[in-house]
Amino acid sequence: MSSEPQLPAVSGPTGAVTAADLISVVEAVPGVRGIEAGIATTLRSLDARLRRQHTDHVRFGMVIDPVTGQVVVEIALTVLRPVWQIVAEVQGAVQAALQDAGTGREVLVRVQSLS
């Protein structure tokens, strides 16, 4: 039995990875309770919607910055394992999904809450 989680396939309608696609990848990691938006991604989401720019790169709790290439994920965790292990798996899962799409990016994970 493999310790690697089975991650969902990621592909947007145009072949590009969107924030919505990455949310399913993040939530598939064991120990992740769900996406929990903080103030940073909430403001970025509202800004993108108001300006109608890069809306596929932004969701509450997830931002893919098209300029810097950075991905910001804000999550809630269940403490079944050490937090650093869960965060490392989230980073690896997102990077793997983005590499499948032909891009490698820095992934910043913000843990918003533990339960």
PDB file of N, CA and C in Angstrom:
ATOM      1  N   MET A   1       0.842  -1.180   0.000  1.00  0.00           N
ATOM      2  CA  MET A   1       0.000   0.000   0.000  1.00  0.00           C
ATOM      3  C   MET A   1       0.887   1.243   0.000  1.00  0.00           C
ATOM      4  N   SER A   2       0.616   2.141  -0.897  1.00  0.00           N
ATOM      5  CA  SER A   2       1.427   3.347  -1.058  1.00  0.00           C
ATOM      6  C   SER A   2       0.985   4.427  -0.088  1.00  0.00           C
ATOM      7  N   SER A   3       1.961   5.204   0.428  1.00  0.00           N
ATOM      8  CA  SER A   3       1.617   6.304   1.319  1.00  0.00           C
ATOM      9  C   SER A   3       1.255   7.569   0.544  1.00  0.00           C
ATOM     10  N   GLU A   4       1.469   7.557  -0.765  1.00  0.00           N
ATOM     11  CA  GLU A   4       1.135   8.705  -1.608  1.00  0.00           C
ATOM     12  C   GLU A   4      -0.374   8.777  -1.790  1.00  0.00           C
ATOM     13  N   PRO A   5      -0.987   9.936  -1.551  1.00  0.00           N
ATOM     14  CA  PRO A   5      -2.434  10.049  -1.774  1.00  0.00           C
ATOM     15  C   PRO A   5      -2.744  10.037  -3.267  1.00  0.00           C
ATOM     16  N   GLN A   6      -3.889   9.471  -3.603  1.00  0.00           N
ATOM     17  CA  GLN A   6      -4.344   9.486  -4.985  1.00  0.00           C
ATOM     18  C   GLN A   6      -4.962  10.852  -5.259  1.00  0.00           C
ATOM     19  N   LEU A   7      -4.334  11.613  -6.144  1.00  0.00           N
ATOM     20  CA  LEU A   7      -4.787  12.966  -6.426  1.00  0.00           C
ATOM     21  C   LEU A   7      -5.663  12.976  -7.659  1.00  0.00           C
ATOM     22  N   PRO A   8      -6.680  13.821  -7.674  1.00  0.00           N
ATOM     23  CA  PRO A   8      -7.542  13.913  -8.847  1.00  0.00           C
ATOM     24  C   PRO A   8      -6.788  14.516 -10.028  1.00  0.00           C
ATOM     25  N   ALA A   9      -7.233  14.137 -11.222  1.00  0.00           N
ATOM     26  CA  ALA A   9      -6.633  14.710 -12.431  1.00  0.00           C
ATOM     27  C   ALA A   9      -6.977  16.184 -12.510  1.00  0.00           C
ATOM     28  N   VAL A  10      -6.016  16.974 -12.996  1.00  0.00           N
ATOM     29  CA  VAL A  10      -6.217  18.422 -13.075  1.00  0.00           C
ATOM     30  C   VAL A  10      -6.150  18.849 -14.521  1.00  0.00           C
ATOM     31  N   SER A  11      -7.218  19.459 -14.989  1.00  0.00           N
ATOM     32  CA  SER A  11      -7.205  20.058 -16.315  1.00  0.00           C
ATOM     33  C   SER A  11      -8.376  21.005 -16.427  1.00  0.00           C
ATOM     34  N   GLY A  12      -8.080  22.209 -16.806  1.00  0.00           N
ATOM     35  CA  GLY A  12      -9.128  23.196 -17.014  1.00  0.00           C
ATOM     36  C   GLY A  12      -9.732  23.021 -18.391  1.00  0.00           C
ATOM     37  N   PRO A  13     -10.792  23.749 -18.695  1.00  0.00           N
ATOM     38  CA  PRO A  13     -11.445  23.626 -19.990  1.00  0.00           C
ATOM     39  C   PRO A  13     -10.535  24.029 -21.149  1.00  0.00           C
ATOM     40  N   THR A  14      -9.575  24.896 -20.894  1.00  0.00           N
ATOM     41  CA  THR A  14      -8.662  25.328 -21.953  1.00  0.00           C
ATOM     42  C   THR A  14      -7.315  24.612 -21.864  1.00  0.00           C
ATOM     43  N   GLY A  15      -7.200  23.654 -20.934  1.00  0.00           N
ATOM     44  CA  GLY A  15      -5.938  22.965 -20.732  1.00  0.00           C
ATOM     45  C   GLY A  15      -5.080  23.622 -19.676  1.00  0.00           C
ATOM     46  N   ALA A  16      -5.397  24.856 -19.306  1.00  0.00           N
ATOM     47  CA  ALA A  16      -4.653  25.559 -18.260  1.00  0.00           C
ATOM     48  C   ALA A  16      -5.228  25.190 -16.900  1.00  0.00           C
ATOM     49  N   VAL A  17      -4.372  25.138 -15.899  1.00  0.00           N
ATOM     50  CA  VAL A  17      -4.815  24.828 -14.548  1.00  0.00           C
ATOM     51  C   VAL A  17      -5.402  26.083 -13.915  1.00  0.00           C
ATOM     52  N   THR A  18      -6.580  25.945 -13.344  1.00  0.00           N
ATOM     53  CA  THR A  18      -7.236  27.076 -12.684  1.00  0.00           C
ATOM     54  C   THR A  18      -7.197  26.870 -11.175  1.00  0.00           C
ATOM     55  N   ALA A  19      -7.529  27.914 -10.440  1.00  0.00           N
ATOM     56  CA  ALA A  19      -7.592  27.817  -8.986  1.00  0.00           C
ATOM     57  C   ALA A  19      -8.635  26.790  -8.561  1.00  0.00           C
ATOM     58  N   ALA A  20      -9.738  26.723  -9.258  1.00  0.00           N
ATOM     59  CA  ALA A  20     -10.788  25.748  -8.933  1.00  0.00           C
ATOM     60  C   ALA A  20     -10.271  24.322  -9.102  1.00  0.00           C
ATOM     61  N   ASP A  21      -9.443  24.081 -10.114  1.00  0.00           N
ATOM     62  CA  ASP A  21      -8.859  22.751 -10.320  1.00  0.00           C
ATOM     63  C   ASP A  21      -7.938  22.377  -9.157  1.00  0.00           C
ATOM     64  N   LEU A  22      -7.152  23.341  -8.705  1.00  0.00           N
ATOM     65  CA  LEU A  22      -6.189  23.068  -7.637  1.00  0.00           C
ATOM     66  C   LEU A  22      -6.858  22.845  -6.282  1.00  0.00           C
ATOM     67  N   ILE A  23      -8.036  23.391  -6.088  1.00  0.00           N
ATOM     68  CA  ILE A  23      -8.734  23.192  -4.814  1.00  0.00           C
ATOM     69  C   ILE A  23      -9.021  21.707  -4.601  1.00  0.00           C
ATOM     70  N   SER A  24      -9.435  21.004  -5.638  1.00  0.00           N
ATOM     71  CA  SER A  24      -9.694  19.564  -5.480  1.00  0.00           C
ATOM     72  C   SER A  24      -8.413  18.798  -5.183  1.00  0.00           C
ATOM     73  N   VAL A  25      -7.291  19.245  -5.731  1.00  0.00           N
ATOM     74  CA  VAL A  25      -6.006  18.611  -5.448  1.00  0.00           C
ATOM     75  C   VAL A  25      -5.631  18.810  -3.983  1.00  0.00           C
ATOM     76  N   VAL A  26      -5.791  20.021  -3.479  1.00  0.00           N
ATOM     77  CA  VAL A  26      -5.447  20.324  -2.086  1.00  0.00           C
ATOM     78  C   VAL A  26      -6.347  19.545  -1.128  1.00  0.00           C
ATOM     79  N   GLU A  27      -7.633  19.515  -1.404  1.00  0.00           N
ATOM     80  CA  GLU A  27      -8.567  18.844  -0.503  1.00  0.00           C
ATOM     81  C   GLU A  27      -8.399  17.327  -0.500  1.00  0.00           C
ATOM     82  N   ALA A  28      -7.712  16.775  -1.499  1.00  0.00           N
ATOM     83  CA  ALA A  28      -7.468  15.331  -1.555  1.00  0.00           C
ATOM     84  C   ALA A  28      -6.314  14.894  -0.657  1.00  0.00           C
ATOM     85  N   VAL A  29      -5.543  15.837  -0.146  1.00  0.00           N
ATOM     86  CA  VAL A  29      -4.411  15.505   0.726  1.00  0.00           C
ATOM     87  C   VAL A  29      -4.945  15.136   2.113  1.00  0.00           C
ATOM     88  N   PRO A  30      -4.542  13.969   2.646  1.00  0.00           N
ATOM     89  CA  PRO A  30      -5.002  13.568   3.979  1.00  0.00           C
ATOM     90  C   PRO A  30      -4.573  14.586   5.041  1.00  0.00           C
ATOM     91  N   GLY A  31      -5.508  14.944   5.906  1.00  0.00           N
ATOM     92  CA  GLY A  31      -5.236  15.910   6.959  1.00  0.00           C
ATOM     93  C   GLY A  31      -5.757  17.303   6.645  1.00  0.00           C
ATOM     94  N   VAL A  32      -6.115  17.548   5.394  1.00  0.00           N
ATOM     95  CA  VAL A  32      -6.675  18.848   5.015  1.00  0.00           C
ATOM     96  C   VAL A  32      -8.182  18.787   5.221  1.00  0.00           C
ATOM     97  N   ARG A  33      -8.683  19.629   6.124  1.00  0.00           N
ATOM     98  CA  ARG A  33     -10.119  19.676   6.380  1.00  0.00           C
ATOM     99  C   ARG A  33     -10.846  20.419   5.267  1.00  0.00           C
ATOM    100  N   GLY A  34     -10.167  21.412   4.688  1.00  0.00           N
ATOM    101  CA  GLY A  34     -10.776  22.160   3.598  1.00  0.00           C
ATOM    102  C   GLY A  34     -10.053  23.467   3.354  1.00  0.00           C
ATOM    103  N   ILE A  35     -10.509  24.171   2.361  1.00  0.00           N
ATOM    104  CA  ILE A  35      -9.984  25.503   2.057  1.00  0.00           C
ATOM    105  C   ILE A  35     -10.625  26.473   3.038  1.00  0.00           C
ATOM    106  N   GLU A  36      -9.811  27.326   3.651  1.00  0.00           N
ATOM    107  CA  GLU A  36     -10.326  28.322   4.588  1.00  0.00           C
ATOM    108  C   GLU A  36      -9.705  29.668   4.226  1.00  0.00           C
ATOM    109  N   ALA A  37     -10.475  30.478   3.563  1.00  0.00           N
ATOM    110  CA  ALA A  37      -9.966  31.750   3.058  1.00  0.00           C
ATOM    111  C   ALA A  37      -9.612  32.704   4.184  1.00  0.00           C
ATOM    112  N   GLY A  38      -8.478  33.356   4.029  1.00  0.00           N
ATOM    113  CA  GLY A  38      -8.062  34.415   4.933  1.00  0.00           C
ATOM    114  C   GLY A  38      -8.291  35.758   4.260  1.00  0.00           C
ATOM    115  N   ILE A  39      -7.855  36.792   4.894  1.00  0.00           N
ATOM    116  CA  ILE A  39      -8.084  38.143   4.382  1.00  0.00           C
ATOM    117  C   ILE A  39      -7.364  38.367   3.053  1.00  0.00           C
ATOM    118  N   ALA A  40      -6.166  37.807   2.894  1.00  0.00           N
ATOM    119  CA  ALA A  40      -5.380  38.047   1.676  1.00  0.00           C
ATOM    120  C   ALA A  40      -6.068  37.499   0.432  1.00  0.00           C
ATOM    121  N   THR A  41      -6.472  36.227   0.469  1.00  0.00           N
ATOM    122  CA  THR A  41      -7.101  35.662  -0.726  1.00  0.00           C
ATOM    123  C   THR A  41      -8.508  36.196  -0.931  1.00  0.00           C
ATOM    124  N   THR A  42      -9.184  36.565   0.154  1.00  0.00           N
ATOM    125  CA  THR A  42     -10.518  37.153   0.026  1.00  0.00           C
ATOM    126  C   THR A  42     -10.445  38.476  -0.722  1.00  0.00           C
ATOM    127  N   LEU A  43      -9.509  39.329  -0.326  1.00  0.00           N
ATOM    128  CA  LEU A  43      -9.361  40.612  -1.012  1.00  0.00           C
ATOM    129  C   LEU A  43      -8.916  40.435  -2.457  1.00  0.00           C
ATOM    130  N   ARG A  44      -7.997  39.504  -2.718  1.00  0.00           N
ATOM    131  CA  ARG A  44      -7.561  39.260  -4.096  1.00  0.00           C
ATOM    132  C   ARG A  44      -8.709  38.734  -4.950  1.00  0.00           C
ATOM    133  N   SER A  45      -9.551  37.880  -4.374  1.00  0.00           N
ATOM    134  CA  SER A  45     -10.706  37.344  -5.103  1.00  0.00           C
ATOM    135  C   SER A  45     -11.700  38.433  -5.443  1.00  0.00           C
ATOM    136  N   LEU A  46     -12.000  39.272  -4.460  1.00  0.00           N
ATOM    137  CA  LEU A  46     -12.937  40.373  -4.700  1.00  0.00           C
ATOM    138  C   LEU A  46     -12.388  41.345  -5.745  1.00  0.00           C
ATOM    139  N   ASP A  47     -11.100  41.656  -5.650  1.00  0.00           N
ATOM    140  CA  ASP A  47     -10.467  42.562  -6.609  1.00  0.00           C
ATOM    141  C   ASP A  47     -10.538  41.996  -8.025  1.00  0.00           C
ATOM    142  N   ALA A  48     -10.225  40.719  -8.177  1.00  0.00           N
ATOM    143  CA  ALA A  48     -10.258  40.092  -9.507  1.00  0.00           C
ATOM    144  C   ALA A  48     -11.670  40.093 -10.076  1.00  0.00           C
ATOM    145  N   ARG A  49     -12.652  39.848  -9.231  1.00  0.00           N
ATOM    146  CA  ARG A  49     -14.034  39.834  -9.716  1.00  0.00           C
ATOM    147  C   ARG A  49     -14.516  41.225 -10.096  1.00  0.00           C
ATOM    148  N   LEU A  50     -14.154  42.219  -9.291  1.00  0.00           N
ATOM    149  CA  LEU A  50     -14.570  43.585  -9.609  1.00  0.00           C
ATOM    150  C   LEU A  50     -13.923  44.080 -10.897  1.00  0.00           C
ATOM    151  N   ARG A  51     -12.656  43.752 -11.080  1.00  0.00           N
ATOM    152  CA  ARG A  51     -11.939  44.183 -12.289  1.00  0.00           C
ATOM    153  C   ARG A  51     -12.168  43.254 -13.477  1.00  0.00           C
ATOM    154  N   ARG A  52     -12.733  42.077 -13.194  1.00  0.00           N
ATOM    155  CA  ARG A  52     -12.960  41.045 -14.212  1.00  0.00           C
ATOM    156  C   ARG A  52     -11.664  40.667 -14.922  1.00  0.00           C
ATOM    157  N   GLN A  53     -10.612  40.502 -14.109  1.00  0.00           N
ATOM    158  CA  GLN A  53      -9.306  40.105 -14.622  1.00  0.00           C
ATOM    159  C   GLN A  53      -8.824  38.877 -13.870  1.00  0.00           C
ATOM    160  N   HIS A  54      -8.301  37.908 -14.575  1.00  0.00           N
ATOM    161  CA  HIS A  54      -7.695  36.706 -13.997  1.00  0.00           C
ATOM    162  C   HIS A  54      -8.633  35.995 -13.019  1.00  0.00           C
ATOM    163  N   THR A  55      -9.916  35.970 -13.306  1.00  0.00           N
ATOM    164  CA  THR A  55     -10.856  35.352 -12.380  1.00  0.00           C
ATOM    165  C   THR A  55     -10.652  33.844 -12.284  1.00  0.00           C
ATOM    166  N   ASP A  56     -10.072  33.208 -13.290  1.00  0.00           N
ATOM    167  CA  ASP A  56      -9.817  31.772 -13.199  1.00  0.00           C
ATOM    168  C   ASP A  56      -8.581  31.462 -12.357  1.00  0.00           C
ATOM    169  N   HIS A  57      -7.787  32.478 -12.020  1.00  0.00           N
ATOM    170  CA  HIS A  57      -6.596  32.302 -11.196  1.00  0.00           C
ATOM    171  C   HIS A  57      -6.873  32.524  -9.706  1.00  0.00           C
ATOM    172  N   VAL A  58      -8.087  32.941  -9.367  1.00  0.00           N
ATOM    173  CA  VAL A  58      -8.369  33.342  -7.992  1.00  0.00           C
ATOM    174  C   VAL A  58      -9.666  32.698  -7.507  1.00  0.00           C
ATOM    175  N   ARG A  59      -9.604  32.125  -6.307  1.00  0.00           N
ATOM    176  CA  ARG A  59     -10.778  31.645  -5.587  1.00  0.00           C
ATOM    177  C   ARG A  59     -10.547  31.991  -4.126  1.00  0.00           C
ATOM    178  N   PHE A  60     -11.612  32.047  -3.351  1.00  0.00           N
ATOM    179  CA  PHE A  60     -11.443  32.276  -1.921  1.00  0.00           C
ATOM    180  C   PHE A  60     -10.601  31.135  -1.368  1.00  0.00           C
ATOM    181  N   GLY A  61      -9.433  31.458  -0.807  1.00  0.00           N
ATOM    182  CA  GLY A  61      -8.534  30.459  -0.250  1.00  0.00           C
ATOM    183  C   GLY A  61      -7.445  29.993  -1.197  1.00  0.00           C
ATOM    184  N   MET A  62      -7.452  30.459  -2.450  1.00  0.00           N
ATOM    185  CA  MET A  62      -6.461  30.019  -3.435  1.00  0.00           C
ATOM    186  C   MET A  62      -6.203  31.135  -4.441  1.00  0.00           C
ATOM    187  N   VAL A  63      -4.925  31.478  -4.627  1.00  0.00           N
ATOM    188  CA  VAL A  63      -4.543  32.496  -5.609  1.00  0.00           C
ATOM    189  C   VAL A  63      -3.363  31.972  -6.405  1.00  0.00           C
ATOM    190  N   ILE A  64      -3.476  32.032  -7.719  1.00  0.00           N
ATOM    191  CA  ILE A  64      -2.353  31.743  -8.613  1.00  0.00           C
ATOM    192  C   ILE A  64      -1.957  33.076  -9.221  1.00  0.00           C
ATOM    193  N   ASP A  65      -0.807  33.594  -8.831  1.00  0.00           N
ATOM    194  CA  ASP A  65      -0.360  34.894  -9.330  1.00  0.00           C
ATOM    195  C   ASP A  65       0.284  34.704 -10.698  1.00  0.00           C
ATOM    196  N   PRO A  66      -0.333  35.232 -11.772  1.00  0.00           N
ATOM    197  CA  PRO A  66       0.211  35.023 -13.116  1.00  0.00           C
ATOM    198  C   PRO A  66       1.511  35.789 -13.365  1.00  0.00           C
ATOM    199  N   VAL A  67       1.796  36.804 -12.573  1.00  0.00           N
ATOM    200  CA  VAL A  67       3.002  37.610 -12.764  1.00  0.00           C
ATOM    201  C   VAL A  67       4.207  36.966 -12.082  1.00  0.00           C
ATOM    202  N   THR A  68       4.082  36.668 -10.780  1.00  0.00           N
ATOM    203  CA  THR A  68       5.211  36.111 -10.034  1.00  0.00           C
ATOM    204  C   THR A  68       5.285  34.594 -10.119  1.00  0.00           C
ATOM    205  N   GLY A  69       4.179  33.960 -10.471  1.00  0.00           N
ATOM    206  CA  GLY A  69       4.152  32.512 -10.532  1.00  0.00           C
ATOM    207  C   GLY A  69       3.907  31.854  -9.190  1.00  0.00           C
ATOM    208  N   GLN A  70       3.676  32.646  -8.155  1.00  0.00           N
ATOM    209  CA  GLN A  70       3.459  32.095  -6.820  1.00  0.00           C
ATOM    210  C   GLN A  70       2.017  31.628  -6.657  1.00  0.00           C
ATOM    211  N   VAL A  71       1.848  30.510  -5.943  1.00  0.00           N
ATOM    212  CA  VAL A  71       0.526  29.999  -5.607  1.00  0.00           C
ATOM    213  C   VAL A  71       0.372  30.122  -4.094  1.00  0.00           C
ATOM    214  N   VAL A  72      -0.731  30.730  -3.656  1.00  0.00           N
ATOM    215  CA  VAL A  72      -1.027  30.875  -2.231  1.00  0.00           C
ATOM    216  C   VAL A  72      -2.252  30.027  -1.931  1.00  0.00           C
ATOM    217  N   VAL A  73      -2.119  29.144  -0.928  1.00  0.00           N
ATOM    218  CA  VAL A  73      -3.207  28.269  -0.512  1.00  0.00           C
ATOM    219  C   VAL A  73      -3.457  28.510   0.970  1.00  0.00           C
ATOM    220  N   GLU A  74      -4.711  28.764   1.340  1.00  0.00           N
ATOM    221  CA  GLU A  74      -5.074  28.953   2.739  1.00  0.00           C
ATOM    222  C   GLU A  74      -6.010  27.813   3.137  1.00  0.00           C
ATOM    223  N   ILE A  75      -5.576  27.032   4.153  1.00  0.00           N
ATOM    224  CA  ILE A  75      -6.284  25.799   4.475  1.00  0.00           C
ATOM    225  C   ILE A  75      -6.541  25.648   5.967  1.00  0.00           C
ATOM    226  N   ALA A  76      -7.492  24.770   6.268  1.00  0.00           N
ATOM    227  CA  ALA A  76      -7.762  24.322   7.629  1.00  0.00           C
ATOM    228  C   ALA A  76      -7.320  22.863   7.704  1.00  0.00           C
ATOM    229  N   LEU A  77      -6.703  22.493   8.829  1.00  0.00           N
ATOM    230  CA  LEU A  77      -6.173  21.140   8.975  1.00  0.00           C
ATOM    231  C   LEU A  77      -6.818  20.410  10.144  1.00  0.00           C
ATOM    232  N   THR A  78      -6.887  19.093  10.010  1.00  0.00           N
ATOM    233  CA  THR A  78      -7.168  18.239  11.149  1.00  0.00           C
ATOM    234  C   THR A  78      -5.808  17.697  11.580  1.00  0.00           C
ATOM    235  N   VAL A  79      -5.569  17.670  12.848  1.00  0.00           N
ATOM    236  CA  VAL A  79      -4.239  17.295  13.329  1.00  0.00           C
ATOM    237  C   VAL A  79      -4.171  15.780  13.514  1.00  0.00           C
ATOM    238  N   LEU A  80      -4.115  15.072  12.399  1.00  0.00           N
ATOM    239  CA  LEU A  80      -3.948  13.624  12.420  1.00  0.00           C
ATOM    240  C   LEU A  80      -2.465  13.254  12.343  1.00  0.00           C
ATOM    241  N   ARG A  81      -1.697  14.142  11.784  1.00  0.00           N
ATOM    242  CA  ARG A  81      -0.258  13.960  11.605  1.00  0.00           C
ATOM    243  C   ARG A  81       0.408  15.292  11.892  1.00  0.00           C
ATOM    244  N   PRO A  82       1.743  15.311  11.954  1.00  0.00           N
ATOM    245  CA  PRO A  82       2.416  16.599  12.153  1.00  0.00           C
ATOM    246  C   PRO A  82       2.056  17.596  11.047  1.00  0.00           C
ATOM    247  N   VAL A  83       1.861  18.841  11.444  1.00  0.00           N
ATOM    248  CA  VAL A  83       1.447  19.889  10.514  1.00  0.00           C
ATOM    249  C   VAL A  83       2.438  20.038   9.368  1.00  0.00           C
ATOM    250  N   TRP A  84       3.734  19.977   9.658  1.00  0.00           N
ATOM    251  CA  TRP A  84       4.739  20.158   8.610  1.00  0.00           C
ATOM    252  C   TRP A  84       4.614  19.098   7.526  1.00  0.00           C
ATOM    253  N   GLN A  85       4.206  17.866   7.905  1.00  0.00           N
ATOM    254  CA  GLN A  85       4.038  16.811   6.901  1.00  0.00           C
ATOM    255  C   GLN A  85       2.862  17.111   5.971  1.00  0.00           C
ATOM    256  N   ILE A  86       1.772  17.569   6.553  1.00  0.00           N
ATOM    257  CA  ILE A  86       0.591  17.885   5.748  1.00  0.00           C
ATOM    258  C   ILE A  86       0.904  19.048   4.809  1.00  0.00           C
ATOM    259  N   VAL A  87       1.564  20.082   5.333  1.00  0.00           N
ATOM    260  CA  VAL A  87       1.917  21.245   4.512  1.00  0.00           C
ATOM    261  C   VAL A  87       2.850  20.825   3.380  1.00  0.00           C
ATOM    262  N   ALA A  88       3.827  19.987   3.668  1.00  0.00           N
ATOM    263  CA  ALA A  88       4.754  19.517   2.628  1.00  0.00           C
ATOM    264  C   ALA A  88       4.017  18.723   1.557  1.00  0.00           C
ATOM    265  N   GLU A  89       3.034  17.909   1.954  1.00  0.00           N
ATOM    266  CA  GLU A  89       2.252  17.151   0.968  1.00  0.00           C
ATOM    267  C   GLU A  89       1.383  18.064   0.111  1.00  0.00           C
ATOM    268  N   VAL A  90       0.816  19.104   0.718  1.00  0.00           N
ATOM    269  CA  VAL A  90       0.014  20.071  -0.045  1.00  0.00           C
ATOM    270  C   VAL A  90       0.902  20.761  -1.076  1.00  0.00           C
ATOM    271  N   GLN A  91       2.081  21.222  -0.649  1.00  0.00           N
ATOM    272  CA  GLN A  91       3.001  21.877  -1.582  1.00  0.00           C
ATOM    273  C   GLN A  91       3.384  20.930  -2.716  1.00  0.00           C
ATOM    274  N   GLY A  92       3.715  19.706  -2.384  1.00  0.00           N
ATOM    275  CA  GLY A  92       4.101  18.732  -3.405  1.00  0.00           C
ATOM    276  C   GLY A  92       2.979  18.408  -4.370  1.00  0.00           C
ATOM    277  N   ALA A  93       1.758  18.278  -3.846  1.00  0.00           N
ATOM    278  CA  ALA A  93       0.609  17.965  -4.693  1.00  0.00           C
ATOM    279  C   ALA A  93       0.317  19.102  -5.669  1.00  0.00           C
ATOM    280  N   VAL A  94       0.371  20.341  -5.187  1.00  0.00           N
ATOM    281  CA  VAL A  94       0.116  21.494  -6.055  1.00  0.00           C
ATOM    282  C   VAL A  94       1.224  21.622  -7.097  1.00  0.00           C
ATOM    283  N   GLN A  95       2.473  21.463  -6.680  1.00  0.00           N
ATOM    284  CA  GLN A  95       3.583  21.542  -7.628  1.00  0.00           C
ATOM    285  C   GLN A  95       3.492  20.443  -8.677  1.00  0.00           C
ATOM    286  N   ALA A  96       3.103  19.237  -8.270  1.00  0.00           N
ATOM    287  CA  ALA A  96       2.954  18.135  -9.226  1.00  0.00           C
ATOM    288  C   ALA A  96       1.843  18.430 -10.234  1.00  0.00           C
ATOM    289  N   ALA A  97       0.735  18.982  -9.754  1.00  0.00           N
ATOM    290  CA  ALA A  97      -0.376  19.324 -10.652  1.00  0.00           C
ATOM    291  C   ALA A  97       0.035  20.403 -11.641  1.00  0.00           C
ATOM    292  N   LEU A  98       0.806  21.367 -11.172  1.00  0.00           N
ATOM    293  CA  LEU A  98       1.248  22.445 -12.055  1.00  0.00           C
ATOM    294  C   LEU A  98       2.315  21.974 -13.032  1.00  0.00           C
ATOM    295  N   GLN A  99       3.174  21.042 -12.612  1.00  0.00           N
ATOM    296  CA  GLN A  99       4.183  20.508 -13.531  1.00  0.00           C
ATOM    297  C   GLN A  99       3.540  19.695 -14.633  1.00  0.00           C
ATOM    298  N   ASP A 100       2.436  18.980 -14.305  1.00  0.00           N
ATOM    299  CA  ASP A 100       1.703  18.258 -15.341  1.00  0.00           C
ATOM    300  C   ASP A 100       1.176  19.223 -16.391  1.00  0.00           C
ATOM    301  N   ALA A 101       0.892  20.456 -15.968  1.00  0.00           N
ATOM    302  CA  ALA A 101       0.393  21.476 -16.890  1.00  0.00           C
ATOM    303  C   ALA A 101       1.537  22.234 -17.560  1.00  0.00           C
ATOM    304  N   GLY A 102       2.780  21.862 -17.242  1.00  0.00           N
ATOM    305  CA  GLY A 102       3.928  22.482 -17.898  1.00  0.00           C
ATOM    306  C   GLY A 102       4.501  23.686 -17.188  1.00  0.00           C
ATOM    307  N   THR A 103       4.073  23.935 -15.952  1.00  0.00           N
ATOM    308  CA  THR A 103       4.609  25.076 -15.216  1.00  0.00           C
ATOM    309  C   THR A 103       5.026  24.634 -13.830  1.00  0.00           C
ATOM    310  N   GLY A 104       6.138  25.150 -13.352  1.00  0.00           N
ATOM    311  CA  GLY A 104       6.562  24.905 -11.983  1.00  0.00           C
ATOM    312  C   GLY A 104       6.501  26.225 -11.243  1.00  0.00           C
ATOM    313  N   ARG A 105       5.906  26.224 -10.070  1.00  0.00           N
ATOM    314  CA  ARG A 105       5.722  27.471  -9.344  1.00  0.00           C
ATOM    315  C   ARG A 105       6.006  27.275  -7.862  1.00  0.00           C
ATOM    316  N   GLU A 106       6.275  28.393  -7.180  1.00  0.00           N
ATOM    317  CA  GLU A 106       6.440  28.393  -5.731  1.00  0.00           C
ATOM    318  C   GLU A 106       5.063  28.293  -5.094  1.00  0.00           C
ATOM    319  N   VAL A 107       4.944  27.455  -4.064  1.00  0.00           N
ATOM    320  CA  VAL A 107       3.657  27.258  -3.391  1.00  0.00           C
ATOM    321  C   VAL A 107       3.786  27.681  -1.934  1.00  0.00           C
ATOM    322  N   LEU A 108       2.996  28.674  -1.526  1.00  0.00           N
ATOM    323  CA  LEU A 108       2.945  29.157  -0.157  1.00  0.00           C
ATOM    324  C   LEU A 108       1.664  28.637   0.489  1.00  0.00           C
ATOM    325  N   VAL A 109       1.804  27.891   1.578  1.00  0.00           N
ATOM    326  CA  VAL A 109       0.652  27.348   2.284  1.00  0.00           C
ATOM    327  C   VAL A 109       0.483  28.087   3.603  1.00  0.00           C
ATOM    328  N   ARG A 110      -0.686  28.660   3.800  1.00  0.00           N
ATOM    329  CA  ARG A 110      -1.012  29.327   5.069  1.00  0.00           C
ATOM    330  C   ARG A 110      -2.031  28.466   5.807  1.00  0.00           C
ATOM    331  N   VAL A 111      -1.666  28.021   6.990  1.00  0.00           N
ATOM    332  CA  VAL A 111      -2.584  27.235   7.805  1.00  0.00           C
ATOM    333  C   VAL A 111      -3.432  28.217   8.611  1.00  0.00           C
ATOM    334  N   GLN A 112      -4.719  28.245   8.329  1.00  0.00           N
ATOM    335  CA  GLN A 112      -5.630  29.189   8.969  1.00  0.00           C
ATOM    336  C   GLN A 112      -6.158  28.661  10.294  1.00  0.00           C
ATOM    337  N   SER A 113      -6.371  27.341  10.389  1.00  0.00           N
ATOM    338  CA  SER A 113      -6.875  26.780  11.643  1.00  0.00           C
ATOM    339  C   SER A 113      -6.519  25.307  11.748  1.00  0.00           C
ATOM    340  N   LEU A 114      -6.488  24.828  12.991  1.00  0.00           N
ATOM    341  CA  LEU A 114      -6.221  23.415  13.307  1.00  0.00           C
ATOM    342  C   LEU A 114      -7.384  22.893  14.150  1.00  0.00           C
ATOM    343  N   SER A 115      -7.743  21.646  13.916  1.00  0.00           N
ATOM    344  CA  SER A 115      -8.781  21.045  14.774  1.00  0.00           C
ATOM    345  C   SER A 115      -8.450  19.608  15.039  1.00  0.00           C
TER     346      SER A 115
END
